[in-house]
Amino acid sequence: MRREVRAFAKDARRRAGYELYRVQQGLAPTDSKPMPSVGAGVREIRIHTDQEHRVIYVAKFDEGIYVLHAFEKKTRKTTREDIDVAAKRLRDVLQDRERRKPGRARG
């Protein structure tokens, strides 16, 4: 996901970094909305510059924030493809967290 954010224009990239910093500090982003279509606890940061950019993340876990997807938005509605990418990455995060649980037998 870092590669996706780095592909943003400089002003959008800077704004994304600031918004994620706010989330790390326990603050709400300046413009965001829940993304239940991706999963529970998932939110979308909306970045308004000359273009529209989005960063989809989940911050409900103690160990940190997981950025699931970042993209330039070209239509009014978030595409099914972008939702599917974020949902798959959320499933991957949840599976990885389950595998890393203490006391879980490794095989």
N, C-alpha and C. Protein backbone atom coordinates (compact mmCIF):
# COMPACT_ATOMS: atom_id res chain seq x y z
N MET A 1 0.81 -1.19 0.00
CA MET A 1 0.00 0.00 0.00
C MET A 1 0.86 1.26 0.00
N ARG A 2 2.04 1.13 0.53
CA ARG A 2 2.95 2.28 0.51
C ARG A 2 3.20 2.72 -0.92
N ARG A 3 3.37 1.76 -1.81
CA ARG A 3 3.60 2.07 -3.23
C ARG A 3 2.41 2.83 -3.81
N GLU A 4 1.22 2.46 -3.39
CA GLU A 4 0.02 3.14 -3.90
C GLU A 4 -0.02 4.60 -3.45
N VAL A 5 0.28 4.84 -2.18
CA VAL A 5 0.28 6.22 -1.68
C VAL A 5 1.41 7.02 -2.32
N ARG A 6 2.56 6.40 -2.51
CA ARG A 6 3.68 7.11 -3.14
C ARG A 6 3.38 7.51 -4.58
N ALA A 7 2.43 6.84 -5.20
CA ALA A 7 2.04 7.18 -6.58
C ALA A 7 1.15 8.43 -6.62
N PHE A 8 0.63 8.86 -5.47
CA PHE A 8 -0.19 10.07 -5.42
C PHE A 8 0.67 11.28 -5.79
N ALA A 9 0.01 12.32 -6.27
CA ALA A 9 0.69 13.61 -6.47
C ALA A 9 1.19 14.09 -5.11
N LYS A 10 2.22 14.93 -5.13
CA LYS A 10 2.89 15.36 -3.89
C LYS A 10 1.92 15.92 -2.85
N ASP A 11 1.01 16.78 -3.25
CA ASP A 11 0.09 17.38 -2.29
C ASP A 11 -0.86 16.33 -1.69
N ALA A 12 -1.32 15.39 -2.49
CA ALA A 12 -2.20 14.33 -1.99
C ALA A 12 -1.42 13.37 -1.09
N ARG A 13 -0.19 13.08 -1.45
CA ARG A 13 0.66 12.20 -0.65
C ARG A 13 0.92 12.82 0.72
N ARG A 14 1.20 14.10 0.74
CA ARG A 14 1.44 14.81 2.00
C ARG A 14 0.18 14.80 2.87
N ARG A 15 -0.94 15.02 2.23
CA ARG A 15 -2.21 15.04 2.97
C ARG A 15 -2.53 13.65 3.54
N ALA A 16 -2.28 12.60 2.74
CA ALA A 16 -2.52 11.23 3.20
C ALA A 16 -1.66 10.94 4.43
N GLY A 17 -0.40 11.35 4.38
CA GLY A 17 0.49 11.15 5.52
C GLY A 17 -0.01 11.87 6.76
N TYR A 18 -0.47 13.09 6.60
CA TYR A 18 -0.99 13.86 7.72
C TYR A 18 -2.23 13.18 8.32
N GLU A 19 -3.13 12.73 7.46
CA GLU A 19 -4.36 12.10 7.93
C GLU A 19 -4.06 10.78 8.66
N LEU A 20 -3.11 10.00 8.14
CA LEU A 20 -2.74 8.76 8.82
C LEU A 20 -2.04 9.05 10.14
N TYR A 21 -1.28 10.11 10.20
CA TYR A 21 -0.66 10.53 11.47
C TYR A 21 -1.74 10.86 12.50
N ARG A 22 -2.77 11.56 12.08
CA ARG A 22 -3.88 11.87 12.99
C ARG A 22 -4.49 10.59 13.54
N VAL A 23 -4.70 9.61 12.68
CA VAL A 23 -5.28 8.33 13.11
C VAL A 23 -4.34 7.66 14.12
N GLN A 24 -3.04 7.69 13.86
CA GLN A 24 -2.06 7.09 14.79
C GLN A 24 -2.12 7.76 16.16
N GLN A 25 -2.44 9.04 16.19
CA GLN A 25 -2.52 9.78 17.43
C GLN A 25 -3.87 9.60 18.14
N GLY A 26 -4.74 8.78 17.56
CA GLY A 26 -6.05 8.54 18.16
C GLY A 26 -7.09 9.58 17.78
N LEU A 27 -6.77 10.42 16.80
CA LEU A 27 -7.69 11.45 16.33
C LEU A 27 -8.41 10.97 15.08
N ALA A 28 -9.53 11.57 14.81
CA ALA A 28 -10.26 11.25 13.59
C ALA A 28 -9.65 12.00 12.41
N PRO A 29 -9.66 11.40 11.22
CA PRO A 29 -9.23 12.14 10.03
C PRO A 29 -10.16 13.33 9.82
N THR A 30 -9.69 14.33 9.10
CA THR A 30 -10.53 15.52 8.89
C THR A 30 -11.72 15.23 7.98
N ASP A 31 -11.61 14.23 7.10
CA ASP A 31 -12.73 13.86 6.23
C ASP A 31 -12.66 12.36 5.97
N SER A 32 -13.59 11.65 6.57
CA SER A 32 -13.60 10.19 6.39
C SER A 32 -15.03 9.68 6.52
N LYS A 33 -15.19 8.42 6.17
CA LYS A 33 -16.49 7.78 6.34
C LYS A 33 -16.27 6.29 6.55
N PRO A 34 -17.21 5.64 7.21
CA PRO A 34 -17.10 4.18 7.39
C PRO A 34 -17.28 3.47 6.06
N MET A 35 -16.64 2.31 5.96
CA MET A 35 -16.73 1.48 4.74
C MET A 35 -17.20 0.08 5.12
N PRO A 36 -18.46 -0.05 5.56
CA PRO A 36 -18.95 -1.38 5.96
C PRO A 36 -18.97 -2.37 4.80
N SER A 37 -18.97 -1.88 3.57
CA SER A 37 -18.94 -2.77 2.41
C SER A 37 -17.61 -3.51 2.32
N VAL A 38 -16.57 -2.98 2.99
CA VAL A 38 -15.26 -3.65 3.03
C VAL A 38 -15.19 -4.56 4.26
N GLY A 39 -15.64 -4.04 5.41
CA GLY A 39 -15.61 -4.84 6.63
C GLY A 39 -15.83 -3.99 7.86
N ALA A 40 -16.05 -4.64 8.98
CA ALA A 40 -16.30 -3.96 10.25
C ALA A 40 -15.07 -3.17 10.67
N GLY A 41 -15.28 -1.92 11.05
CA GLY A 41 -14.21 -1.08 11.53
C GLY A 41 -13.37 -0.42 10.45
N VAL A 42 -13.71 -0.66 9.20
CA VAL A 42 -12.94 -0.10 8.08
C VAL A 42 -13.46 1.30 7.77
N ARG A 43 -12.53 2.21 7.53
CA ARG A 43 -12.88 3.59 7.18
C ARG A 43 -12.12 4.02 5.94
N GLU A 44 -12.65 5.06 5.32
CA GLU A 44 -12.05 5.63 4.12
C GLU A 44 -11.70 7.09 4.41
N ILE A 45 -10.42 7.44 4.22
CA ILE A 45 -10.00 8.84 4.31
C ILE A 45 -10.21 9.45 2.92
N ARG A 46 -10.87 10.60 2.90
CA ARG A 46 -11.12 11.28 1.63
C ARG A 46 -10.18 12.48 1.52
N ILE A 47 -9.40 12.49 0.46
CA ILE A 47 -8.41 13.54 0.24
C ILE A 47 -8.82 14.33 -0.99
N HIS A 48 -9.02 15.63 -0.78
CA HIS A 48 -9.48 16.52 -1.84
C HIS A 48 -8.34 17.46 -2.23
N THR A 49 -7.83 17.28 -3.42
CA THR A 49 -6.84 18.19 -3.99
C THR A 49 -7.36 18.52 -5.39
N ASP A 50 -6.49 18.68 -6.36
CA ASP A 50 -6.96 18.87 -7.73
C ASP A 50 -7.71 17.63 -8.20
N GLN A 51 -7.38 16.49 -7.58
CA GLN A 51 -8.05 15.22 -7.87
C GLN A 51 -8.55 14.66 -6.54
N GLU A 52 -9.31 13.58 -6.63
CA GLU A 52 -9.80 12.91 -5.43
C GLU A 52 -8.97 11.66 -5.19
N HIS A 53 -8.56 11.46 -3.94
CA HIS A 53 -7.82 10.26 -3.55
C HIS A 53 -8.49 9.66 -2.33
N ARG A 54 -8.31 8.35 -2.17
CA ARG A 54 -8.88 7.66 -1.03
C ARG A 54 -7.84 6.73 -0.42
N VAL A 55 -7.87 6.63 0.90
CA VAL A 55 -7.05 5.67 1.64
C VAL A 55 -8.01 4.89 2.53
N ILE A 56 -8.09 3.59 2.30
CA ILE A 56 -8.97 2.73 3.09
C ILE A 56 -8.11 2.03 4.13
N TYR A 57 -8.55 2.11 5.39
CA TYR A 57 -7.74 1.58 6.48
C TYR A 57 -8.62 0.98 7.57
N VAL A 58 -7.99 0.22 8.44
CA VAL A 58 -8.66 -0.29 9.64
C VAL A 58 -7.73 0.01 10.82
N ALA A 59 -8.28 0.58 11.89
CA ALA A 59 -7.46 1.00 13.03
C ALA A 59 -8.01 0.43 14.34
N LYS A 60 -8.70 -0.69 14.28
CA LYS A 60 -9.32 -1.22 15.49
C LYS A 60 -8.43 -2.20 16.26
N PHE A 61 -7.22 -2.43 15.80
CA PHE A 61 -6.35 -3.39 16.45
C PHE A 61 -5.28 -2.67 17.26
N ASP A 62 -4.93 -3.23 18.42
CA ASP A 62 -3.96 -2.59 19.31
C ASP A 62 -2.59 -2.39 18.68
N GLU A 63 -2.19 -3.33 17.81
CA GLU A 63 -0.83 -3.27 17.27
C GLU A 63 -0.63 -2.21 16.20
N GLY A 64 -1.69 -1.64 15.69
CA GLY A 64 -1.48 -0.58 14.73
C GLY A 64 -2.60 -0.40 13.72
N ILE A 65 -2.31 0.44 12.77
CA ILE A 65 -3.24 0.77 11.69
C ILE A 65 -2.83 -0.03 10.46
N TYR A 66 -3.80 -0.60 9.79
CA TYR A 66 -3.54 -1.33 8.55
C TYR A 66 -4.14 -0.55 7.40
N VAL A 67 -3.29 -0.06 6.51
CA VAL A 67 -3.78 0.57 5.28
C VAL A 67 -4.06 -0.56 4.31
N LEU A 68 -5.30 -0.65 3.88
CA LEU A 68 -5.74 -1.75 3.03
C LEU A 68 -5.64 -1.42 1.55
N HIS A 69 -5.88 -0.16 1.20
CA HIS A 69 -5.87 0.22 -0.21
C HIS A 69 -5.80 1.74 -0.30
N ALA A 70 -5.13 2.24 -1.32
CA ALA A 70 -5.05 3.67 -1.59
C ALA A 70 -5.14 3.85 -3.10
N PHE A 71 -5.94 4.82 -3.53
CA PHE A 71 -6.16 4.98 -4.97
C PHE A 71 -6.67 6.37 -5.29
N GLU A 72 -6.51 6.73 -6.56
CA GLU A 72 -7.09 7.96 -7.08
C GLU A 72 -8.51 7.63 -7.50
N LYS A 73 -9.43 8.43 -7.07
CA LYS A 73 -10.83 8.17 -7.38
C LYS A 73 -11.21 8.92 -8.66
N LYS A 74 -11.76 8.18 -9.60
CA LYS A 74 -12.07 8.77 -10.90
C LYS A 74 -13.58 8.90 -11.14
N THR A 75 -14.36 8.25 -10.30
CA THR A 75 -15.82 8.32 -10.44
C THR A 75 -16.43 8.72 -9.10
N ARG A 76 -17.68 9.09 -9.12
CA ARG A 76 -18.36 9.50 -7.90
C ARG A 76 -18.45 8.36 -6.89
N LYS A 77 -18.73 7.17 -7.38
CA LYS A 77 -18.90 6.01 -6.52
C LYS A 77 -17.61 5.19 -6.51
N THR A 78 -17.25 4.66 -5.33
CA THR A 78 -16.08 3.79 -5.25
C THR A 78 -16.37 2.53 -6.04
N THR A 79 -15.43 2.14 -6.89
CA THR A 79 -15.67 1.00 -7.77
C THR A 79 -15.69 -0.31 -6.99
N ARG A 80 -16.39 -1.28 -7.54
CA ARG A 80 -16.45 -2.61 -6.94
C ARG A 80 -15.04 -3.20 -6.84
N GLU A 81 -14.22 -2.94 -7.85
CA GLU A 81 -12.85 -3.44 -7.86
C GLU A 81 -12.06 -2.91 -6.66
N ASP A 82 -12.17 -1.61 -6.37
CA ASP A 82 -11.46 -1.04 -5.23
C ASP A 82 -11.98 -1.61 -3.91
N ILE A 83 -13.27 -1.79 -3.79
CA ILE A 83 -13.85 -2.39 -2.59
C ILE A 83 -13.36 -3.83 -2.43
N ASP A 84 -13.34 -4.58 -3.54
CA ASP A 84 -12.88 -5.97 -3.49
C ASP A 84 -11.41 -6.07 -3.10
N VAL A 85 -10.57 -5.17 -3.61
CA VAL A 85 -9.14 -5.18 -3.25
C VAL A 85 -8.99 -4.95 -1.75
N ALA A 86 -9.69 -3.95 -1.22
CA ALA A 86 -9.60 -3.65 0.21
C ALA A 86 -10.14 -4.81 1.05
N ALA A 87 -11.24 -5.41 0.62
CA ALA A 87 -11.84 -6.52 1.37
C ALA A 87 -10.91 -7.73 1.40
N LYS A 88 -10.27 -8.02 0.28
CA LYS A 88 -9.32 -9.15 0.24
C LYS A 88 -8.14 -8.87 1.17
N ARG A 89 -7.64 -7.66 1.15
CA ARG A 89 -6.51 -7.33 2.01
C ARG A 89 -6.91 -7.38 3.49
N LEU A 90 -8.15 -7.00 3.80
CA LEU A 90 -8.63 -7.12 5.17
C LEU A 90 -8.68 -8.60 5.58
N ARG A 91 -9.18 -9.45 4.71
CA ARG A 91 -9.20 -10.90 5.01
C ARG A 91 -7.78 -11.40 5.26
N ASP A 92 -6.84 -10.95 4.45
CA ASP A 92 -5.44 -11.35 4.63
C ASP A 92 -4.90 -10.90 5.99
N VAL A 93 -5.22 -9.67 6.39
CA VAL A 93 -4.79 -9.16 7.70
C VAL A 93 -5.38 -10.01 8.81
N LEU A 94 -6.67 -10.29 8.72
CA LEU A 94 -7.33 -11.08 9.76
C LEU A 94 -6.75 -12.49 9.85
N GLN A 95 -6.46 -13.10 8.72
CA GLN A 95 -5.85 -14.43 8.71
C GLN A 95 -4.45 -14.39 9.32
N ASP A 96 -3.68 -13.38 8.97
CA ASP A 96 -2.33 -13.24 9.50
C ASP A 96 -2.36 -13.03 11.02
N ARG A 97 -3.27 -12.21 11.48
CA ARG A 97 -3.40 -11.97 12.92
C ARG A 97 -3.79 -13.26 13.64
N GLU A 98 -4.66 -14.04 13.04
CA GLU A 98 -5.08 -15.31 13.65
C GLU A 98 -3.90 -16.27 13.75
N ARG A 99 -3.09 -16.33 12.71
CA ARG A 99 -1.91 -17.21 12.72
C ARG A 99 -0.89 -16.80 13.78
N ARG A 100 -0.83 -15.51 14.08
CA ARG A 100 0.19 -14.99 15.01
C ARG A 100 -0.26 -14.99 16.47
N LYS A 101 -1.46 -15.44 16.75
CA LYS A 101 -1.96 -15.42 18.12
C LYS A 101 -1.03 -16.22 19.02
N PRO A 102 -0.71 -15.68 20.21
CA PRO A 102 0.13 -16.42 21.15
C PRO A 102 -0.54 -17.74 21.56
N GLY A 103 0.29 -18.76 21.72
CA GLY A 103 -0.23 -20.05 22.14
C GLY A 103 -0.81 -20.88 21.01
N ARG A 104 -0.87 -20.32 19.86
CA ARG A 104 -1.42 -21.06 18.71
C ARG A 104 -0.35 -22.02 18.21
N ALA A 105 -0.73 -23.28 18.03
CA ALA A 105 0.22 -24.28 17.55
C ALA A 105 0.64 -23.95 16.13
N ARG A 106 1.90 -24.02 15.89
CA ARG A 106 2.41 -23.74 14.54
C ARG A 106 2.66 -25.07 13.85
N GLY A 107 2.26 -25.13 12.60
CA GLY A 107 2.40 -26.40 11.92
C GLY A 107 2.98 -26.32 10.57
